[in-house]
Amino acid sequence: MRKTILWILGILIIMQIAYAGVTNPLPTELNLYKGETGRFKFQIQTVASNQEIECVYRLAEESPLSVSFDPATIVVPAGTVRDVYGSVTAPRDLDFGTYEEEFCISCKPTQGTAGTSVQIETCDLPIKVNVVEERTRDNMYIPPRPFPFIGKVLIGAGILVLLLIIIYLVIRMIKRKQMLGRKVIRKPLKRAVKKVKKKR
């Protein structure tokens, strides 16, 4: 009886813990020039779970590579697969060679999720970068990092200002041409009037 109870408790604990799965990053390695930034992605899966989770990232910081994730914190609904994207930059002063950075992902149920709040951590997820002088093959295409809302607003405002300036310059040019045309017409008229007076 005691073994049965322990076995049931063990299953319940496993069910609470095994609510998220994390895949290794793709591409498995990137070929970058000095100063270049590459993109990678991985997945957080909650397919076999009925819990919404929140995940954060932690870098091992054992290499000179600069790594960032977008966004820094991600919420994954229950029963879904979420693609997560990141960027890695090879500093300009880096020597040619192969570098590897590792990171961990910590996930736990969100505050609104019922049940036991158990935090799990998946570590040793590798980001491998070859800093090269000449690229022999292209990297796997990963969508670029999206602009933040403020960035989109600033770009939109900049385009609007540019259009207004162009419209202003066009209107000014048209008015200037019209004024020059009027001056040209007035001069022949004045000359014609003078000739008529002389004849009289």
N, C-alpha and C. Protein backbone atom coordinates (compact mmCIF):
# COMPACT_ATOMS: atom_id res chain seq x y z
N MET A 1 0.83 -1.20 0.00
CA MET A 1 0.00 0.00 0.00
C MET A 1 0.87 1.26 0.00
N ARG A 2 1.90 1.20 0.83
CA ARG A 2 2.79 2.35 0.93
C ARG A 2 3.50 2.59 -0.41
N LYS A 3 3.94 1.50 -1.05
CA LYS A 3 4.60 1.62 -2.35
C LYS A 3 3.66 2.20 -3.40
N THR A 4 2.41 1.80 -3.32
CA THR A 4 1.42 2.31 -4.28
C THR A 4 1.23 3.81 -4.12
N ILE A 5 1.15 4.25 -2.86
CA ILE A 5 0.98 5.68 -2.58
C ILE A 5 2.19 6.47 -3.09
N LEU A 6 3.39 5.93 -2.81
CA LEU A 6 4.61 6.60 -3.27
C LEU A 6 4.67 6.65 -4.80
N TRP A 7 4.24 5.55 -5.42
CA TRP A 7 4.24 5.50 -6.89
C TRP A 7 3.29 6.54 -7.47
N ILE A 8 2.10 6.67 -6.87
CA ILE A 8 1.12 7.66 -7.33
C ILE A 8 1.65 9.08 -7.13
N LEU A 9 2.26 9.31 -5.96
CA LEU A 9 2.84 10.63 -5.69
C LEU A 9 3.94 10.96 -6.69
N GLY A 10 4.76 9.95 -7.02
CA GLY A 10 5.83 10.15 -7.99
C GLY A 10 5.29 10.53 -9.36
N ILE A 11 4.22 9.86 -9.78
CA ILE A 11 3.60 10.18 -11.07
C ILE A 11 3.05 11.60 -11.07
N LEU A 12 2.41 11.98 -9.95
CA LEU A 12 1.85 13.33 -9.85
C LEU A 12 2.94 14.39 -9.93
N ILE A 13 4.08 14.12 -9.27
CA ILE A 13 5.19 15.08 -9.30
C ILE A 13 5.75 15.20 -10.72
N ILE A 14 5.91 14.04 -11.39
CA ILE A 14 6.42 14.06 -12.77
C ILE A 14 5.48 14.82 -13.68
N MET A 15 4.17 14.62 -13.47
CA MET A 15 3.18 15.33 -14.29
C MET A 15 3.29 16.84 -14.10
N GLN A 16 3.60 17.24 -12.86
CA GLN A 16 3.72 18.68 -12.59
C GLN A 16 5.01 19.25 -13.18
N ILE A 17 6.08 18.43 -13.15
CA ILE A 17 7.37 18.92 -13.62
C ILE A 17 7.45 18.91 -15.15
N ALA A 18 6.97 17.84 -15.76
CA ALA A 18 7.12 17.66 -17.21
C ALA A 18 6.07 18.44 -17.99
N TYR A 19 6.02 19.76 -17.75
CA TYR A 19 5.04 20.56 -18.46
C TYR A 19 5.65 21.35 -19.60
N ALA A 20 6.96 21.28 -19.78
CA ALA A 20 7.60 22.04 -20.86
C ALA A 20 8.78 21.28 -21.42
N GLY A 21 8.94 21.39 -22.73
CA GLY A 21 10.10 20.82 -23.40
C GLY A 21 10.79 21.89 -24.22
N VAL A 22 12.12 21.82 -24.30
CA VAL A 22 12.90 22.82 -25.03
C VAL A 22 13.81 22.12 -26.04
N THR A 23 13.79 22.59 -27.27
CA THR A 23 14.64 22.00 -28.31
C THR A 23 15.97 22.74 -28.40
N ASN A 24 16.96 22.11 -28.99
CA ASN A 24 18.25 22.75 -29.21
C ASN A 24 18.11 23.83 -30.29
N PRO A 25 18.93 24.88 -30.22
CA PRO A 25 18.84 25.97 -31.20
C PRO A 25 19.16 25.51 -32.62
N LEU A 26 18.53 26.17 -33.59
CA LEU A 26 18.81 26.00 -35.01
C LEU A 26 19.18 27.37 -35.60
N PRO A 27 20.15 27.46 -36.50
CA PRO A 27 20.98 26.35 -36.97
C PRO A 27 21.94 25.87 -35.90
N THR A 28 22.48 24.67 -36.08
CA THR A 28 23.38 24.10 -35.08
C THR A 28 24.66 24.91 -34.96
N GLU A 29 25.04 25.60 -36.03
CA GLU A 29 26.18 26.52 -35.98
C GLU A 29 26.03 27.61 -37.03
N LEU A 30 26.62 28.75 -36.74
CA LEU A 30 26.54 29.92 -37.63
C LEU A 30 27.94 30.31 -38.10
N ASN A 31 28.04 30.72 -39.36
CA ASN A 31 29.29 31.27 -39.89
C ASN A 31 29.14 32.78 -39.99
N LEU A 32 29.92 33.51 -39.19
CA LEU A 32 29.78 34.97 -39.14
C LEU A 32 31.12 35.64 -39.41
N TYR A 33 31.03 36.83 -40.03
CA TYR A 33 32.20 37.69 -40.15
C TYR A 33 32.39 38.46 -38.84
N LYS A 34 33.55 39.06 -38.68
CA LYS A 34 33.78 39.90 -37.51
C LYS A 34 32.80 41.07 -37.52
N GLY A 35 32.14 41.31 -36.41
CA GLY A 35 31.17 42.40 -36.31
C GLY A 35 29.79 42.06 -36.84
N GLU A 36 29.60 40.86 -37.36
CA GLU A 36 28.31 40.48 -37.95
C GLU A 36 27.39 39.86 -36.89
N THR A 37 26.09 40.01 -37.11
CA THR A 37 25.08 39.43 -36.23
C THR A 37 24.30 38.36 -36.97
N GLY A 38 24.11 37.22 -36.33
CA GLY A 38 23.33 36.13 -36.90
C GLY A 38 22.11 35.84 -36.04
N ARG A 39 21.19 35.10 -36.61
CA ARG A 39 19.94 34.79 -35.92
C ARG A 39 19.82 33.28 -35.70
N PHE A 40 19.17 32.89 -34.61
CA PHE A 40 18.91 31.49 -34.32
C PHE A 40 17.52 31.37 -33.71
N LYS A 41 17.03 30.14 -33.65
CA LYS A 41 15.72 29.92 -33.04
C LYS A 41 15.69 28.56 -32.34
N PHE A 42 14.74 28.42 -31.42
CA PHE A 42 14.47 27.14 -30.79
C PHE A 42 13.01 27.12 -30.39
N GLN A 43 12.55 26.01 -29.87
CA GLN A 43 11.13 25.88 -29.52
C GLN A 43 10.95 25.55 -28.04
N ILE A 44 9.89 26.12 -27.49
CA ILE A 44 9.42 25.73 -26.16
C ILE A 44 8.06 25.08 -26.37
N GLN A 45 7.93 23.84 -25.89
CA GLN A 45 6.72 23.06 -26.16
C GLN A 45 5.97 22.74 -24.88
N THR A 46 4.66 22.96 -24.93
CA THR A 46 3.79 22.58 -23.80
C THR A 46 2.65 21.70 -24.31
N VAL A 47 2.96 20.90 -25.35
CA VAL A 47 1.94 20.08 -26.01
C VAL A 47 1.27 19.12 -25.05
N ALA A 48 2.06 18.50 -24.17
CA ALA A 48 1.51 17.49 -23.25
C ALA A 48 1.15 18.09 -21.90
N SER A 49 0.87 19.38 -21.88
CA SER A 49 0.58 20.04 -20.60
C SER A 49 -0.71 20.85 -20.69
N ASN A 50 -1.34 21.03 -19.55
CA ASN A 50 -2.53 21.88 -19.48
C ASN A 50 -2.24 23.16 -18.70
N GLN A 51 -0.94 23.51 -18.64
CA GLN A 51 -0.52 24.69 -17.89
C GLN A 51 0.13 25.73 -18.80
N GLU A 52 -0.23 26.98 -18.60
CA GLU A 52 0.46 28.08 -19.25
C GLU A 52 1.74 28.36 -18.48
N ILE A 53 2.84 28.56 -19.19
CA ILE A 53 4.12 28.76 -18.51
C ILE A 53 4.78 30.07 -18.92
N GLU A 54 5.68 30.52 -18.07
CA GLU A 54 6.49 31.71 -18.33
C GLU A 54 7.95 31.32 -18.26
N CYS A 55 8.72 31.68 -19.27
CA CYS A 55 10.12 31.26 -19.35
C CYS A 55 11.05 32.47 -19.44
N VAL A 56 12.20 32.34 -18.78
CA VAL A 56 13.25 33.36 -18.85
C VAL A 56 14.56 32.66 -19.22
N TYR A 57 15.54 33.46 -19.67
CA TYR A 57 16.79 32.91 -20.17
C TYR A 57 17.96 33.36 -19.31
N ARG A 58 18.96 32.51 -19.26
CA ARG A 58 20.18 32.85 -18.50
C ARG A 58 21.39 32.36 -19.29
N LEU A 59 22.30 33.28 -19.59
CA LEU A 59 23.50 32.93 -20.35
C LEU A 59 24.61 32.44 -19.43
N ALA A 60 25.39 31.49 -19.93
CA ALA A 60 26.54 31.02 -19.16
C ALA A 60 27.65 32.07 -19.16
N GLU A 61 27.70 32.91 -20.20
CA GLU A 61 28.69 33.99 -20.35
C GLU A 61 30.11 33.44 -20.26
N GLU A 62 30.35 32.37 -20.99
CA GLU A 62 31.67 31.74 -21.02
C GLU A 62 32.40 32.01 -22.33
N SER A 63 31.85 32.89 -23.16
CA SER A 63 32.49 33.22 -24.44
C SER A 63 32.36 34.72 -24.69
N PRO A 64 33.14 35.26 -25.63
CA PRO A 64 33.04 36.69 -25.95
C PRO A 64 31.86 37.05 -26.84
N LEU A 65 31.05 36.07 -27.22
CA LEU A 65 29.90 36.33 -28.08
C LEU A 65 28.84 37.14 -27.34
N SER A 66 28.16 38.00 -28.09
CA SER A 66 27.06 38.80 -27.52
C SER A 66 25.74 38.17 -27.95
N VAL A 67 24.95 37.72 -26.97
CA VAL A 67 23.70 37.00 -27.25
C VAL A 67 22.52 37.73 -26.62
N SER A 68 21.43 37.83 -27.37
CA SER A 68 20.19 38.42 -26.83
C SER A 68 19.00 37.64 -27.37
N PHE A 69 17.91 37.70 -26.63
CA PHE A 69 16.68 37.00 -27.02
C PHE A 69 15.56 38.01 -27.22
N ASP A 70 14.64 37.71 -28.13
CA ASP A 70 13.49 38.58 -28.31
C ASP A 70 12.20 37.76 -28.25
N PRO A 71 11.40 38.04 -27.24
CA PRO A 71 11.61 38.97 -26.12
C PRO A 71 12.44 38.31 -25.02
N ALA A 72 12.77 39.09 -23.97
CA ALA A 72 13.57 38.55 -22.88
C ALA A 72 12.79 37.56 -22.03
N THR A 73 11.49 37.71 -21.98
CA THR A 73 10.60 36.79 -21.25
C THR A 73 9.47 36.38 -22.19
N ILE A 74 9.11 35.11 -22.16
CA ILE A 74 8.06 34.64 -23.07
C ILE A 74 7.05 33.79 -22.31
N VAL A 75 5.79 33.98 -22.64
CA VAL A 75 4.69 33.18 -22.07
C VAL A 75 4.22 32.21 -23.14
N VAL A 76 4.14 30.94 -22.76
CA VAL A 76 3.72 29.89 -23.70
C VAL A 76 2.39 29.30 -23.20
N PRO A 77 1.31 29.45 -23.97
CA PRO A 77 0.03 28.87 -23.56
C PRO A 77 0.10 27.35 -23.49
N ALA A 78 -0.80 26.78 -22.72
CA ALA A 78 -0.85 25.32 -22.58
C ALA A 78 -1.16 24.65 -23.91
N GLY A 79 -0.53 23.50 -24.14
CA GLY A 79 -0.82 22.72 -25.34
C GLY A 79 -0.36 23.33 -26.64
N THR A 80 0.70 24.14 -26.61
CA THR A 80 1.18 24.81 -27.83
C THR A 80 2.69 24.62 -28.01
N VAL A 81 3.15 25.02 -29.17
CA VAL A 81 4.58 25.05 -29.48
C VAL A 81 4.93 26.48 -29.88
N ARG A 82 5.89 27.08 -29.21
CA ARG A 82 6.24 28.48 -29.48
C ARG A 82 7.67 28.57 -30.00
N ASP A 83 7.83 29.20 -31.16
CA ASP A 83 9.17 29.48 -31.68
C ASP A 83 9.74 30.69 -30.95
N VAL A 84 10.97 30.56 -30.49
CA VAL A 84 11.66 31.65 -29.80
C VAL A 84 12.90 32.01 -30.61
N TYR A 85 13.13 33.32 -30.79
CA TYR A 85 14.23 33.78 -31.63
C TYR A 85 15.26 34.54 -30.81
N GLY A 86 16.49 34.50 -31.30
CA GLY A 86 17.56 35.22 -30.63
C GLY A 86 18.60 35.70 -31.63
N SER A 87 19.50 36.56 -31.15
CA SER A 87 20.57 37.11 -31.99
C SER A 87 21.91 36.87 -31.32
N VAL A 88 22.92 36.60 -32.12
CA VAL A 88 24.28 36.45 -31.61
C VAL A 88 25.22 37.27 -32.49
N THR A 89 26.09 38.05 -31.84
CA THR A 89 27.01 38.93 -32.55
C THR A 89 28.45 38.55 -32.25
N ALA A 90 29.26 38.49 -33.30
CA ALA A 90 30.69 38.26 -33.14
C ALA A 90 31.39 39.62 -33.09
N PRO A 91 31.99 40.00 -31.97
CA PRO A 91 32.65 41.30 -31.88
C PRO A 91 33.72 41.49 -32.96
N ARG A 92 33.96 42.74 -33.33
CA ARG A 92 34.92 43.05 -34.40
C ARG A 92 36.36 42.67 -34.03
N ASP A 93 36.68 42.71 -32.75
CA ASP A 93 38.06 42.43 -32.33
C ASP A 93 38.30 40.95 -32.04
N LEU A 94 37.36 40.09 -32.42
CA LEU A 94 37.46 38.66 -32.15
C LEU A 94 38.40 38.01 -33.17
N ASP A 95 39.19 37.04 -32.72
CA ASP A 95 40.05 36.29 -33.63
C ASP A 95 39.21 35.29 -34.42
N PHE A 96 39.71 34.91 -35.58
CA PHE A 96 39.03 33.88 -36.36
C PHE A 96 39.08 32.56 -35.60
N GLY A 97 37.99 31.82 -35.67
CA GLY A 97 37.93 30.55 -34.94
C GLY A 97 36.50 30.19 -34.58
N THR A 98 36.36 29.16 -33.76
CA THR A 98 35.05 28.66 -33.35
C THR A 98 34.80 29.01 -31.88
N TYR A 99 33.62 29.55 -31.62
CA TYR A 99 33.24 29.94 -30.26
C TYR A 99 31.87 29.34 -29.94
N GLU A 100 31.67 29.05 -28.67
CA GLU A 100 30.39 28.47 -28.27
C GLU A 100 29.91 29.09 -26.96
N GLU A 101 28.68 29.54 -26.98
CA GLU A 101 28.02 30.06 -25.78
C GLU A 101 26.87 29.13 -25.43
N GLU A 102 26.64 28.95 -24.15
CA GLU A 102 25.53 28.10 -23.70
C GLU A 102 24.56 28.94 -22.87
N PHE A 103 23.32 28.51 -22.86
CA PHE A 103 22.32 29.21 -22.06
C PHE A 103 21.34 28.23 -21.43
N CYS A 104 20.66 28.71 -20.42
CA CYS A 104 19.64 27.93 -19.73
C CYS A 104 18.28 28.60 -19.90
N ILE A 105 17.24 27.80 -19.86
CA ILE A 105 15.87 28.32 -19.89
C ILE A 105 15.15 27.81 -18.65
N SER A 106 14.63 28.74 -17.87
CA SER A 106 13.86 28.39 -16.67
C SER A 106 12.39 28.68 -16.93
N CYS A 107 11.55 27.69 -16.70
CA CYS A 107 10.11 27.84 -16.94
C CYS A 107 9.33 27.46 -15.69
N LYS A 108 8.24 28.17 -15.48
CA LYS A 108 7.34 27.84 -14.38
C LYS A 108 5.93 28.25 -14.77
N PRO A 109 4.92 27.65 -14.15
CA PRO A 109 3.54 28.04 -14.46
C PRO A 109 3.30 29.51 -14.13
N THR A 110 2.49 30.17 -14.92
CA THR A 110 2.15 31.56 -14.64
C THR A 110 1.33 31.66 -13.37
N GLN A 111 1.22 32.86 -12.84
CA GLN A 111 0.54 33.06 -11.55
C GLN A 111 -0.92 32.66 -11.60
N GLY A 112 -1.54 32.80 -12.77
CA GLY A 112 -2.96 32.47 -12.88
C GLY A 112 -3.23 31.00 -13.07
N THR A 113 -2.17 30.16 -13.16
CA THR A 113 -2.34 28.73 -13.40
C THR A 113 -2.48 28.00 -12.08
N ALA A 114 -3.51 27.17 -12.00
CA ALA A 114 -3.72 26.39 -10.78
C ALA A 114 -2.76 25.21 -10.74
N GLY A 115 -2.49 24.71 -9.54
CA GLY A 115 -1.64 23.53 -9.39
C GLY A 115 -0.34 23.89 -8.71
N THR A 116 0.53 22.89 -8.57
CA THR A 116 1.80 23.07 -7.90
C THR A 116 2.74 23.89 -8.77
N SER A 117 3.36 24.91 -8.18
CA SER A 117 4.26 25.78 -8.93
C SER A 117 5.68 25.22 -8.85
N VAL A 118 6.05 24.42 -9.83
CA VAL A 118 7.37 23.82 -9.89
C VAL A 118 8.15 24.46 -11.02
N GLN A 119 9.35 24.96 -10.73
CA GLN A 119 10.18 25.60 -11.76
C GLN A 119 11.17 24.58 -12.30
N ILE A 120 11.22 24.45 -13.62
CA ILE A 120 12.19 23.55 -14.23
C ILE A 120 13.19 24.38 -15.03
N GLU A 121 14.40 23.85 -15.16
CA GLU A 121 15.45 24.56 -15.88
C GLU A 121 16.14 23.61 -16.84
N THR A 122 16.23 24.03 -18.09
CA THR A 122 16.94 23.27 -19.12
C THR A 122 18.22 24.02 -19.46
N CYS A 123 19.37 23.36 -19.29
CA CYS A 123 20.65 24.03 -19.47
C CYS A 123 21.48 23.37 -20.57
N ASP A 124 22.67 23.94 -20.77
CA ASP A 124 23.63 23.44 -21.76
C ASP A 124 23.07 23.49 -23.18
N LEU A 125 22.24 24.49 -23.47
CA LEU A 125 21.74 24.70 -24.83
C LEU A 125 22.80 25.50 -25.59
N PRO A 126 23.37 24.93 -26.66
CA PRO A 126 24.55 25.54 -27.30
C PRO A 126 24.22 26.52 -28.43
N ILE A 127 25.05 27.57 -28.52
CA ILE A 127 25.05 28.48 -29.67
C ILE A 127 26.48 28.48 -30.20
N LYS A 128 26.69 27.83 -31.33
CA LYS A 128 28.04 27.67 -31.89
C LYS A 128 28.24 28.64 -33.05
N VAL A 129 29.35 29.37 -33.01
CA VAL A 129 29.65 30.37 -34.04
C VAL A 129 31.06 30.16 -34.58
N ASN A 130 31.17 30.10 -35.89
CA ASN A 130 32.48 30.09 -36.55
C ASN A 130 32.74 31.49 -37.09
N VAL A 131 33.74 32.16 -36.54
CA VAL A 131 34.12 33.49 -37.03
C VAL A 131 35.07 33.27 -38.21
N VAL A 132 34.63 33.66 -39.40
CA VAL A 132 35.36 33.31 -40.62
C VAL A 132 35.79 34.55 -41.39
N GLU A 133 36.83 34.38 -42.20
CA GLU A 133 37.28 35.45 -43.09
C GLU A 133 36.52 35.41 -44.40
N GLU A 134 36.14 34.18 -44.81
CA GLU A 134 35.37 33.99 -46.04
C GLU A 134 34.31 32.92 -45.79
N ARG A 135 33.05 33.24 -46.14
CA ARG A 135 31.96 32.30 -45.89
C ARG A 135 31.83 31.32 -47.06
N THR A 136 31.83 30.03 -46.74
CA THR A 136 31.72 29.00 -47.78
C THR A 136 30.28 28.57 -48.00
N ARG A 137 29.40 28.86 -47.05
CA ARG A 137 27.98 28.53 -47.21
C ARG A 137 27.14 29.55 -46.46
N ASP A 138 25.92 29.73 -46.91
CA ASP A 138 25.00 30.67 -46.26
C ASP A 138 24.41 30.07 -45.00
N ASN A 139 24.11 30.94 -44.06
CA ASN A 139 23.44 30.49 -42.83
C ASN A 139 21.96 30.24 -43.10
N MET A 140 21.38 29.40 -42.29
CA MET A 140 19.93 29.14 -42.36
C MET A 140 19.18 30.45 -42.14
N TYR A 141 18.14 30.68 -42.96
CA TYR A 141 17.38 31.93 -42.83
C TYR A 141 16.51 31.91 -41.58
N ILE A 142 16.68 32.93 -40.77
CA ILE A 142 15.84 33.15 -39.59
C ILE A 142 15.30 34.57 -39.70
N PRO A 143 14.00 34.79 -39.48
CA PRO A 143 13.44 36.15 -39.60
C PRO A 143 14.19 37.15 -38.73
N PRO A 144 14.38 38.39 -39.23
CA PRO A 144 15.06 39.41 -38.44
C PRO A 144 14.26 39.80 -37.21
N ARG A 145 14.95 40.43 -36.29
CA ARG A 145 14.28 40.87 -35.06
C ARG A 145 13.27 41.96 -35.38
N PRO A 146 12.03 41.82 -34.90
CA PRO A 146 11.02 42.84 -35.20
C PRO A 146 11.32 44.16 -34.50
N PHE A 147 10.92 45.27 -35.15
CA PHE A 147 11.09 46.59 -34.55
C PHE A 147 10.15 46.74 -33.36
N PRO A 148 10.61 47.36 -32.27
CA PRO A 148 9.68 47.67 -31.18
C PRO A 148 8.65 48.70 -31.62
N PHE A 149 7.58 48.83 -30.85
CA PHE A 149 6.49 49.75 -31.21
C PHE A 149 6.99 51.18 -31.36
N ILE A 150 7.86 51.61 -30.46
CA ILE A 150 8.38 52.99 -30.52
C ILE A 150 9.18 53.18 -31.81
N GLY A 151 9.96 52.16 -32.18
CA GLY A 151 10.73 52.25 -33.42
C GLY A 151 9.83 52.39 -34.63
N LYS A 152 8.73 51.63 -34.65
CA LYS A 152 7.78 51.73 -35.77
C LYS A 152 7.16 53.12 -35.83
N VAL A 153 6.82 53.68 -34.66
CA VAL A 153 6.23 55.02 -34.62
C VAL A 153 7.22 56.06 -35.15
N LEU A 154 8.49 55.95 -34.74
CA LEU A 154 9.50 56.90 -35.19
C LEU A 154 9.73 56.80 -36.70
N ILE A 155 9.76 55.58 -37.21
CA ILE A 155 9.93 55.39 -38.66
C ILE A 155 8.75 55.99 -39.42
N GLY A 156 7.53 55.73 -38.92
CA GLY A 156 6.33 56.29 -39.55
C GLY A 156 6.33 57.81 -39.53
N ALA A 157 6.74 58.39 -38.39
CA ALA A 157 6.80 59.85 -38.27
C ALA A 157 7.85 60.42 -39.22
N GLY A 158 8.99 59.74 -39.34
CA GLY A 158 10.05 60.19 -40.24
C GLY A 158 9.60 60.19 -41.69
N ILE A 159 8.89 59.13 -42.10
CA ILE A 159 8.37 59.05 -43.48
C ILE A 159 7.36 60.16 -43.74
N LEU A 160 6.48 60.43 -42.75
CA LEU A 160 5.48 61.48 -42.89
C LEU A 160 6.13 62.85 -43.05
N VAL A 161 7.14 63.13 -42.23
CA VAL A 161 7.86 64.41 -42.32
C VAL A 161 8.52 64.55 -43.68
N LEU A 162 9.13 63.47 -44.17
CA LEU A 162 9.79 63.49 -45.47
C LEU A 162 8.79 63.79 -46.59
N LEU A 163 7.62 63.17 -46.53
CA LEU A 163 6.58 63.42 -47.53
C LEU A 163 6.11 64.87 -47.50
N LEU A 164 5.94 65.43 -46.30
CA LEU A 164 5.52 66.83 -46.17
C LEU A 164 6.56 67.78 -46.76
N ILE A 165 7.84 67.47 -46.53
CA ILE A 165 8.92 68.30 -47.08
C ILE A 165 8.90 68.26 -48.61
N ILE A 166 8.71 67.05 -49.16
CA ILE A 166 8.67 66.89 -50.62
C ILE A 166 7.49 67.67 -51.21
N ILE A 167 6.31 67.56 -50.57
CA ILE A 167 5.12 68.28 -51.04
C ILE A 167 5.35 69.79 -50.99
N TYR A 168 5.97 70.28 -49.90
CA TYR A 168 6.26 71.71 -49.75
C TYR A 168 7.19 72.20 -50.86
N LEU A 169 8.24 71.41 -51.15
CA LEU A 169 9.20 71.81 -52.19
C LEU A 169 8.55 71.81 -53.58
N VAL A 170 7.69 70.83 -53.84
CA VAL A 170 6.99 70.77 -55.14
C VAL A 170 6.08 71.97 -55.31
N ILE A 171 5.29 72.30 -54.28
CA ILE A 171 4.38 73.46 -54.34
C ILE A 171 5.17 74.75 -54.54
N ARG A 172 6.29 74.88 -53.83
CA ARG A 172 7.12 76.08 -53.96
C ARG A 172 7.69 76.21 -55.37
N MET A 173 8.09 75.07 -55.95
CA MET A 173 8.63 75.09 -57.31
C MET A 173 7.56 75.49 -58.33
N ILE A 174 6.34 74.97 -58.15
CA ILE A 174 5.23 75.31 -59.06
C ILE A 174 4.92 76.80 -58.98
N LYS A 175 4.84 77.34 -57.76
CA LYS A 175 4.56 78.77 -57.58
C LYS A 175 5.64 79.64 -58.21
N ARG A 176 6.89 79.21 -58.07
CA ARG A 176 8.00 79.98 -58.63
C ARG A 176 7.92 80.02 -60.16
N LYS A 177 7.58 78.89 -60.77
CA LYS A 177 7.43 78.84 -62.22
C LYS A 177 6.29 79.73 -62.69
N GLN A 178 5.19 79.72 -61.91
CA GLN A 178 4.04 80.57 -62.26
C GLN A 178 4.41 82.05 -62.20
N MET A 179 5.17 82.45 -61.18
CA MET A 179 5.59 83.85 -61.04
C MET A 179 6.52 84.27 -62.18
N LEU A 180 7.44 83.37 -62.56
CA LEU A 180 8.34 83.67 -63.68
C LEU A 180 7.56 83.81 -64.98
N GLY A 181 6.54 82.98 -65.17
CA GLY A 181 5.70 83.05 -66.37
C GLY A 181 4.95 84.36 -66.45
N ARG A 182 4.45 84.84 -65.31
CA ARG A 182 3.73 86.12 -65.30
C ARG A 182 4.65 87.29 -65.65
N LYS A 183 5.88 87.28 -65.17
CA LYS A 183 6.84 88.35 -65.46
C LYS A 183 7.16 88.39 -66.95
N VAL A 184 7.34 87.20 -67.54
CA VAL A 184 7.64 87.13 -68.98
C VAL A 184 6.50 87.68 -69.81
N ILE A 185 5.26 87.44 -69.43
CA ILE A 185 4.08 87.92 -70.15
C ILE A 185 3.94 89.44 -70.02
N ARG A 186 4.21 89.98 -68.81
CA ARG A 186 4.03 91.42 -68.57
C ARG A 186 5.01 92.26 -69.38
N LYS A 187 6.25 91.80 -69.55
CA LYS A 187 7.25 92.59 -70.27
C LYS A 187 6.88 92.83 -71.73
N PRO A 188 6.47 91.83 -72.51
CA PRO A 188 6.03 92.09 -73.90
C PRO A 188 4.83 93.01 -73.96
N LEU A 189 3.92 92.92 -73.01
CA LEU A 189 2.75 93.79 -73.00
C LEU A 189 3.16 95.25 -72.82
N LYS A 190 4.09 95.53 -71.93
CA LYS A 190 4.55 96.89 -71.69
C LYS A 190 5.22 97.46 -72.94
N ARG A 191 6.02 96.62 -73.60
CA ARG A 191 6.70 97.06 -74.83
C ARG A 191 5.68 97.39 -75.92
N ALA A 192 4.64 96.58 -76.03
CA ALA A 192 3.59 96.81 -77.05
C ALA A 192 2.87 98.11 -76.78
N VAL A 193 2.59 98.44 -75.52
CA VAL A 193 1.90 99.69 -75.15
C VAL A 193 2.76 100.89 -75.51
N LYS A 194 4.09 100.81 -75.26
CA LYS A 194 5.00 101.91 -75.59
C LYS A 194 5.04 102.17 -77.09
N LYS A 195 5.06 101.10 -77.89
CA LYS A 195 5.08 101.24 -79.35
C LYS A 195 3.82 101.93 -79.86
N VAL A 196 2.68 101.60 -79.30
CA VAL A 196 1.40 102.21 -79.70
C VAL A 196 1.42 103.70 -79.40
N LYS A 197 1.95 104.11 -78.26
CA LYS A 197 2.02 105.51 -77.86
C LYS A 197 2.91 106.29 -78.81
N LYS A 198 4.05 105.68 -79.21
CA LYS A 198 4.98 106.35 -80.12
C LYS A 198 4.33 106.61 -81.47
N LYS A 199 3.57 105.67 -81.98
CA LYS A 199 2.90 105.80 -83.27
C LYS A 199 1.91 106.95 -83.25
N ARG A 200 1.22 107.13 -82.12
CA ARG A 200 0.26 108.19 -81.99
C ARG A 200 0.97 109.54 -81.96
